[in-house]
């Protein structure tokens, strides 16, 4: 599909500096821009490419002070990253064709209820008493257990397994091979050294607008619910243990593990390979940097934490700087 720069600017509420009639037919990274493409500049590290790029148009911040005149037409917006995201979303809407229909072989239990425009891929199944909303896409090899509730306009990719009693809201996305509602890690040590399995009788609740990455796992609660609130984004290979609660609009990056009964606030950002201990709380708007370990409750909102055990990031960076100096200090002491 082709659009003019003016049409794109109108879509993302930007102003044009240059040729508004120029035609855009594709997307490119700013460093790989070519004629007919549109790019964006959000990270100052890439500003040098702005003046070299052969892209036809580039989305930039309204307050950007240019060091020289770019070759490209500019579309100036308040937030280039968000504007480019909107553009990609709209393009996907224009170009995607949503499939509907029940592919065979597949299975739907007699008492299951399915909404309008359902797509059910081959070798997928919907269990007894389950309810699926309107306009939901369920790809091949998806297993949906008994008494599962899935809302409208959800997308469930191949290989996803959704255990009994799970509740999923509207506009949720579950990527390939995610597992929702498997047993929490509940085992009671016995006097003879063995373990007795603690029945996991609760469920998992995903509120509206939740995205779950590929191969992520969310355990059902021992009692009550493991609760993932509205707008949460969970990356690939993340493990969420039983009875965890994650606040609205929190994002968790890949290979992070959250232990049982921990509560994470809203609007938090958790980096990759972070470990979070069990039975603690993390305040709203907390940022935890990659490979950190959060071992105790974080009560103050809006902190940036790093290291293990996690502490204010400025302290963590100072400690690291001192550690790098230790070999030189040792030489000085030995001399």
Protein backbone atom coordinates (compact mmCIF):
# COMPACT_ATOMS: atom_id res chain seq x y z
CA UNK A 1 0.00 0.00 0.00
CA UNK A 2 1.13 3.54 -0.71
CA UNK A 3 0.48 6.76 1.23
CA UNK A 4 1.61 10.34 0.94
CA UNK A 5 3.65 12.01 3.66
CA UNK A 6 0.70 14.36 4.28
CA UNK A 7 -1.66 11.42 4.83
CA UNK A 8 0.75 9.84 7.31
CA UNK A 9 1.25 13.15 9.13
CA UNK A 10 -2.51 13.53 9.51
CA UNK A 11 -2.78 9.98 10.87
CA UNK A 12 -0.13 10.56 13.60
CA UNK A 13 -1.02 14.24 14.20
CA UNK A 14 2.32 15.56 12.98
CA UNK A 15 3.46 18.56 10.97
CA UNK A 16 5.36 18.23 7.69
CA UNK A 17 8.67 19.94 6.98
CA UNK A 18 9.36 19.22 3.31
CA UNK A 19 7.49 17.52 0.48
CA UNK A 20 4.10 16.41 1.76
CA UNK A 21 3.17 14.84 -1.59
CA UNK A 22 6.06 12.34 -1.52
CA UNK A 23 4.95 8.70 -1.68
CA UNK A 24 5.72 6.19 1.11
CA UNK A 25 5.47 2.46 0.40
CA UNK A 26 7.60 0.76 3.08
CA UNK A 27 9.26 1.05 6.50
CA UNK A 28 12.98 1.03 7.31
CA UNK A 29 15.34 1.65 10.19
CA UNK A 30 16.83 5.11 9.94
CA UNK A 31 20.32 3.73 9.21
CA UNK A 32 18.92 1.62 6.35
CA UNK A 33 16.57 4.21 4.86
CA UNK A 34 15.92 4.18 1.12
CA UNK A 35 13.71 5.97 -1.37
CA UNK A 36 10.02 5.35 -0.69
CA UNK A 37 10.56 4.38 2.96
CA UNK A 38 9.69 6.07 6.25
CA UNK A 39 11.83 5.88 9.41
CA UNK A 40 11.84 7.49 12.83
CA UNK A 41 14.35 9.00 15.23
CA UNK A 42 13.68 8.47 18.95
CA UNK A 43 17.13 7.66 20.34
CA UNK A 44 19.70 10.51 20.25
CA UNK A 45 22.44 7.91 19.56
CA UNK A 46 21.08 7.59 16.03
CA UNK A 47 20.88 11.31 15.24
CA UNK A 48 23.87 11.19 12.90
CA UNK A 49 21.85 8.94 10.57
CA UNK A 50 19.18 11.63 10.29
CA UNK A 51 21.45 13.70 8.06
CA UNK A 52 22.68 10.74 5.99
CA UNK A 53 19.52 8.67 5.60
CA UNK A 54 18.09 8.17 2.12
CA UNK A 55 14.60 7.58 3.56
CA UNK A 56 11.89 9.67 1.92
CA UNK A 57 10.45 10.71 5.30
CA UNK A 58 11.57 10.54 8.93
CA UNK A 59 9.45 11.04 12.03
CA UNK A 60 11.26 13.25 14.58
CA UNK A 61 10.51 15.09 17.81
CA UNK A 62 8.97 18.54 17.45
CA UNK A 63 11.61 20.06 19.72
CA UNK A 64 14.61 18.52 17.92
CA UNK A 65 17.24 21.15 17.09
CA UNK A 66 18.74 20.27 13.71
CA UNK A 67 22.51 20.46 13.29
CA UNK A 68 22.19 20.46 9.50
CA UNK A 69 19.45 20.04 6.91
CA UNK A 70 18.42 16.41 6.34
CA UNK A 71 17.84 14.95 2.90
CA UNK A 72 14.48 13.52 3.99
CA UNK A 73 11.14 15.20 4.55
CA UNK A 74 10.46 15.41 8.30
CA UNK A 75 7.24 14.71 10.16
CA UNK A 76 7.44 16.45 13.54
CA UNK A 77 5.52 14.95 16.46
CA UNK A 78 5.59 15.10 20.25
CA UNK A 79 6.73 11.46 20.70
CA UNK A 80 8.34 9.82 17.62
CA UNK A 81 8.40 6.31 19.09
CA UNK A 82 4.70 6.34 19.94
CA UNK A 83 3.82 7.94 16.60
CA UNK A 84 5.74 5.27 14.67
CA UNK A 85 4.02 2.58 16.74
CA UNK A 86 0.60 4.01 15.82
CA UNK A 87 1.65 4.06 12.16
CA UNK A 88 2.68 0.39 12.25
CA UNK A 89 -0.57 -0.56 14.00
CA UNK A 90 -2.67 1.24 11.41
CA UNK A 91 -0.72 -0.33 8.55
CA UNK A 92 -1.28 -3.76 10.05
CA UNK A 93 -5.01 -3.06 10.29
CA UNK A 94 -5.14 -1.97 6.64
CA UNK A 95 -3.20 -4.95 5.30
CA UNK A 96 -4.21 -7.88 7.51
CA UNK A 97 -6.98 -10.27 6.52
CA UNK A 98 -8.55 -11.89 9.57
CA UNK A 99 -9.44 -15.53 9.07
CA UNK A 100 -12.65 -17.04 10.44
CA UNK A 101 -14.06 -20.54 10.50
CA UNK A 102 -13.44 -23.86 12.18
CA UNK A 103 -10.61 -25.86 10.63
CA UNK A 104 -10.58 -29.64 10.76
CA UNK A 105 -9.58 -31.67 12.58
CA UNK A 106 -10.38 -29.69 15.73
CA UNK A 107 -12.61 -30.16 18.75
CA UNK A 108 -15.23 -28.04 20.52
CA UNK A 109 -17.02 -29.55 23.52
CA UNK A 110 -20.79 -29.80 23.18
CA UNK A 111 -21.48 -27.33 25.99
CA UNK A 112 -18.75 -24.83 25.05
CA UNK A 113 -19.95 -21.45 23.79
CA UNK A 114 -18.19 -19.59 20.99
CA UNK A 115 -18.80 -16.05 19.75
CA UNK A 116 -19.06 -14.58 16.28
CA UNK A 117 -16.19 -14.71 13.77
CA UNK A 118 -14.20 -17.33 15.66
CA UNK A 119 -11.18 -18.86 13.95
CA UNK A 120 -10.13 -22.24 15.33
CA UNK A 121 -7.03 -23.78 13.74
CA UNK A 122 -6.34 -27.42 13.04
CA UNK A 123 -5.68 -29.78 15.97
CA UNK A 124 -6.95 -27.20 18.49
CA UNK A 125 -9.51 -27.97 21.16
CA UNK A 126 -11.95 -26.13 23.43
CA UNK A 127 -12.95 -27.95 26.62
CA UNK A 128 -16.22 -28.44 28.48
CA UNK A 129 -18.03 -25.36 29.74
CA UNK A 130 -15.59 -22.93 28.14
CA UNK A 131 -16.74 -19.61 26.68
CA UNK A 132 -14.95 -17.84 23.81
CA UNK A 133 -15.85 -14.25 22.84
CA UNK A 134 -16.34 -12.59 19.47
CA UNK A 135 -13.63 -12.04 16.85
CA UNK A 136 -11.09 -14.24 18.62
CA UNK A 137 -8.37 -16.03 16.68
CA UNK A 138 -7.14 -19.39 17.96
CA UNK A 139 -4.31 -20.85 15.89
CA UNK A 140 -3.38 -24.49 15.31
CA UNK A 141 -2.39 -26.87 18.12
CA UNK A 142 -3.91 -24.74 20.90
CA UNK A 143 -5.35 -26.56 23.92
CA UNK A 144 -8.06 -24.78 25.93
CA UNK A 145 -9.21 -26.62 29.04
CA UNK A 146 -12.53 -26.83 30.81
CA UNK A 147 -14.43 -23.81 32.17
CA UNK A 148 -12.05 -21.36 30.51
CA UNK A 149 -13.33 -17.88 29.69
CA UNK A 150 -11.72 -15.92 26.84
CA UNK A 151 -12.98 -12.47 25.84
CA UNK A 152 -13.41 -10.66 22.54
CA UNK A 153 -10.73 -9.90 19.96
CA UNK A 154 -8.04 -12.11 21.45
CA UNK A 155 -5.22 -13.72 19.47
CA UNK A 156 -3.83 -17.06 20.62
CA UNK A 157 -0.87 -18.37 18.66
CA UNK A 158 0.14 -22.00 17.98
CA UNK A 159 0.98 -24.36 20.79
CA UNK A 160 -0.53 -22.31 23.62
CA UNK A 161 -1.95 -24.35 26.51
CA UNK A 162 -4.63 -22.79 28.70
CA UNK A 163 -5.51 -24.88 31.74
CA UNK A 164 -8.92 -25.29 33.38
CA UNK A 165 -10.68 -22.30 34.98
CA UNK A 166 -8.43 -19.64 33.43
CA UNK A 167 -10.09 -16.27 32.80
CA UNK A 168 -8.78 -14.10 29.94
CA UNK A 169 -10.18 -10.65 29.17
CA UNK A 170 -10.64 -8.78 25.91
CA UNK A 171 -7.89 -7.82 23.43
CA UNK A 172 -5.29 -10.19 24.86
CA UNK A 173 -2.45 -11.78 22.90
CA UNK A 174 -0.81 -15.08 23.85
CA UNK A 175 2.26 -15.96 21.79
CA UNK A 176 3.40 -19.43 20.77
CA UNK A 177 3.79 -22.13 23.42
CA UNK A 178 2.81 -19.95 26.37
CA UNK A 179 1.34 -21.99 29.22
CA UNK A 180 -1.34 -20.37 31.37
CA UNK A 181 -2.59 -22.03 34.54
CA UNK A 182 -0.14 -24.88 35.12
CA UNK A 183 0.34 -25.95 38.74
CA UNK A 184 2.23 -23.65 41.07
CA UNK A 185 5.42 -25.05 42.58
CA UNK A 186 3.77 -26.31 45.75
CA UNK A 187 5.45 -29.18 47.58
CA UNK A 188 5.54 -29.77 51.35
CA UNK A 189 8.76 -31.39 52.72
CA UNK A 190 8.12 -34.54 54.73
CA UNK A 191 10.04 -36.02 57.67
CA UNK A 192 11.36 -38.84 55.51
CA UNK A 193 12.89 -36.41 53.00
CA UNK A 194 10.16 -36.75 50.35
CA UNK A 195 7.77 -34.07 49.16
CA UNK A 196 3.99 -34.06 49.36
CA UNK A 197 2.20 -32.28 46.52
CA UNK A 198 0.05 -29.34 47.62
CA UNK A 199 -3.06 -29.21 45.39
CA UNK A 200 -3.23 -26.00 43.37
CA UNK A 201 -6.94 -25.17 43.48
CA UNK A 202 -6.92 -21.59 42.22
CA UNK A 203 -6.71 -20.16 38.71
CA UNK A 204 -5.10 -17.48 36.55
CA UNK A 205 -6.83 -14.23 35.58
CA UNK A 206 -5.56 -12.08 32.69
CA UNK A 207 -7.36 -8.75 32.49
CA UNK A 208 -7.96 -6.79 29.26
CA UNK A 209 -5.10 -5.89 26.94
CA UNK A 210 -2.54 -8.31 28.37
CA UNK A 211 0.23 -9.65 26.12
CA UNK A 212 2.08 -12.86 27.00
CA UNK A 213 5.32 -13.73 25.16
CA UNK A 214 6.36 -17.01 23.59
CA UNK A 215 7.20 -19.81 26.02
CA UNK A 216 6.17 -17.73 29.03
CA UNK A 217 4.52 -19.59 31.91
CA UNK A 218 2.01 -18.34 34.46
CA UNK A 219 1.14 -20.70 37.31
CA UNK A 220 -2.32 -21.07 38.78
CA UNK A 221 -2.82 -20.00 42.40
CA UNK A 222 -2.83 -22.42 45.28
CA UNK A 223 -6.04 -20.69 46.36
CA UNK A 224 -7.60 -17.61 44.80
CA UNK A 225 -6.05 -16.23 41.61
CA UNK A 226 -2.72 -15.42 40.04
CA UNK A 227 -3.68 -11.97 38.76
CA UNK A 228 -2.22 -10.19 35.73
CA UNK A 229 -3.90 -6.80 35.56
CA UNK A 230 -4.97 -4.64 32.63
CA UNK A 231 -2.37 -3.77 30.01
CA UNK A 232 0.50 -5.85 31.40
CA UNK A 233 3.14 -6.88 28.84
CA UNK A 234 5.15 -10.04 29.56
CA UNK A 235 8.06 -10.99 27.30
CA UNK A 236 9.26 -14.41 26.12
CA UNK A 237 10.51 -17.02 28.60
CA UNK A 238 9.16 -15.29 31.71
CA UNK A 239 8.04 -17.38 34.70
CA UNK A 240 5.26 -16.06 36.94
CA UNK A 241 4.69 -18.23 40.01
CA UNK A 242 1.49 -18.99 41.91
CA UNK A 243 -0.52 -16.21 43.59
CA UNK A 244 1.59 -13.45 42.05
CA UNK A 245 -0.17 -10.15 41.33
CA UNK A 246 1.15 -7.81 38.64
CA UNK A 247 -0.23 -4.28 38.50
CA UNK A 248 -1.68 -2.54 35.46
CA UNK A 249 0.60 -1.49 32.60
CA UNK A 250 3.72 -3.12 34.00
CA UNK A 251 6.21 -4.57 31.49
CA UNK A 252 8.50 -7.54 32.23
CA UNK A 253 11.38 -8.45 29.90
CA UNK A 254 12.60 -11.90 28.89
CA UNK A 255 13.95 -14.59 31.21
CA UNK A 256 12.68 -12.92 34.36
CA UNK A 257 11.30 -15.05 37.19
CA UNK A 258 8.82 -13.86 39.81
CA UNK A 259 8.44 -16.09 42.88
CA UNK A 260 5.19 -16.99 44.58
CA UNK A 261 2.81 -14.55 46.30
CA UNK A 262 4.78 -11.47 45.27
CA UNK A 263 2.91 -8.30 44.32
CA UNK A 264 4.36 -6.00 41.67
CA UNK A 265 2.84 -2.54 41.37
CA UNK A 266 1.52 -0.76 38.31
CA UNK A 267 3.60 0.97 35.64
CA UNK A 268 6.77 -0.91 36.64
CA UNK A 269 9.53 -1.85 34.21
CA UNK A 270 11.38 -5.09 34.97
CA UNK A 271 14.50 -5.77 32.87
CA UNK A 272 15.65 -9.06 31.41
CA UNK A 273 16.94 -11.92 33.60
CA UNK A 274 15.68 -10.31 36.80
CA UNK A 275 14.96 -12.55 39.78
CA UNK A 276 12.23 -11.53 42.22
CA UNK A 277 11.95 -13.26 45.59
CA UNK A 278 8.65 -14.54 46.95
CA UNK A 279 6.21 -12.93 49.39
CA UNK A 280 7.43 -9.36 48.80
CA UNK A 281 5.92 -6.23 47.24
CA UNK A 282 7.34 -3.82 44.67
CA UNK A 283 5.99 -0.27 44.62
CA UNK A 284 4.40 1.40 41.60
CA UNK A 285 6.63 2.87 38.86
CA UNK A 286 9.70 0.91 39.96
CA UNK A 287 12.36 0.21 37.32
CA UNK A 288 14.59 -2.84 37.86
CA UNK A 289 17.62 -3.06 35.58
CA UNK A 290 18.65 -6.27 33.81
CA UNK A 291 20.11 -9.22 35.77
CA UNK A 292 19.17 -7.71 39.13
CA UNK A 293 17.82 -9.62 42.11
CA UNK A 294 15.00 -8.12 44.17
CA UNK A 295 15.12 -9.82 47.56
CA UNK A 296 13.03 -7.57 49.79
CA UNK A 297 9.99 -5.31 49.65
CA UNK A 298 10.36 -2.03 47.73
CA UNK A 299 8.13 0.58 49.38
CA UNK A 300 9.20 3.83 47.73
CA UNK A 301 7.62 4.52 44.34
CA UNK A 302 9.53 5.48 41.23
CA UNK A 303 12.97 4.12 42.14
CA UNK A 304 15.49 2.70 39.68
CA UNK A 305 17.06 -0.42 41.20
CA UNK A 306 20.06 -2.49 40.12
CA UNK A 307 22.33 -5.28 41.30
CA UNK A 308 21.86 -8.20 43.67
CA UNK A 309 20.46 -7.61 46.17
CA UNK A 310 18.80 -4.76 44.29
CA UNK A 311 19.52 -1.26 45.59
CA UNK A 312 19.19 2.26 44.14
CA UNK A 313 20.90 2.15 40.77
CA UNK A 314 23.27 5.03 41.53
CA UNK A 315 24.64 3.10 44.53
CA UNK A 316 24.94 -0.07 42.42
CA UNK A 317 26.92 1.75 39.72
CA UNK A 318 29.26 3.29 42.32
CA UNK A 319 29.95 -0.14 43.81
CA UNK A 320 30.72 -1.52 40.36
CA UNK A 321 33.11 1.33 39.66
CA UNK A 322 34.95 0.61 42.91
CA UNK A 323 35.15 -3.09 42.13
CA UNK A 324 36.82 -2.34 38.82
CA UNK A 325 39.50 -0.42 40.71
CA UNK A 326 40.33 -3.26 43.13
CA UNK A 327 43.11 -4.89 41.02
CA UNK A 328 44.97 -1.56 40.82
CA UNK A 329 44.48 -0.94 44.53
CA UNK A 330 45.86 -4.42 45.28
CA UNK A 331 48.96 -3.73 43.18
CA UNK A 332 49.53 -0.49 45.04
CA UNK A 333 49.23 -2.27 48.41
CA UNK A 334 51.67 -5.01 47.33
CA UNK A 335 54.27 -2.57 46.04
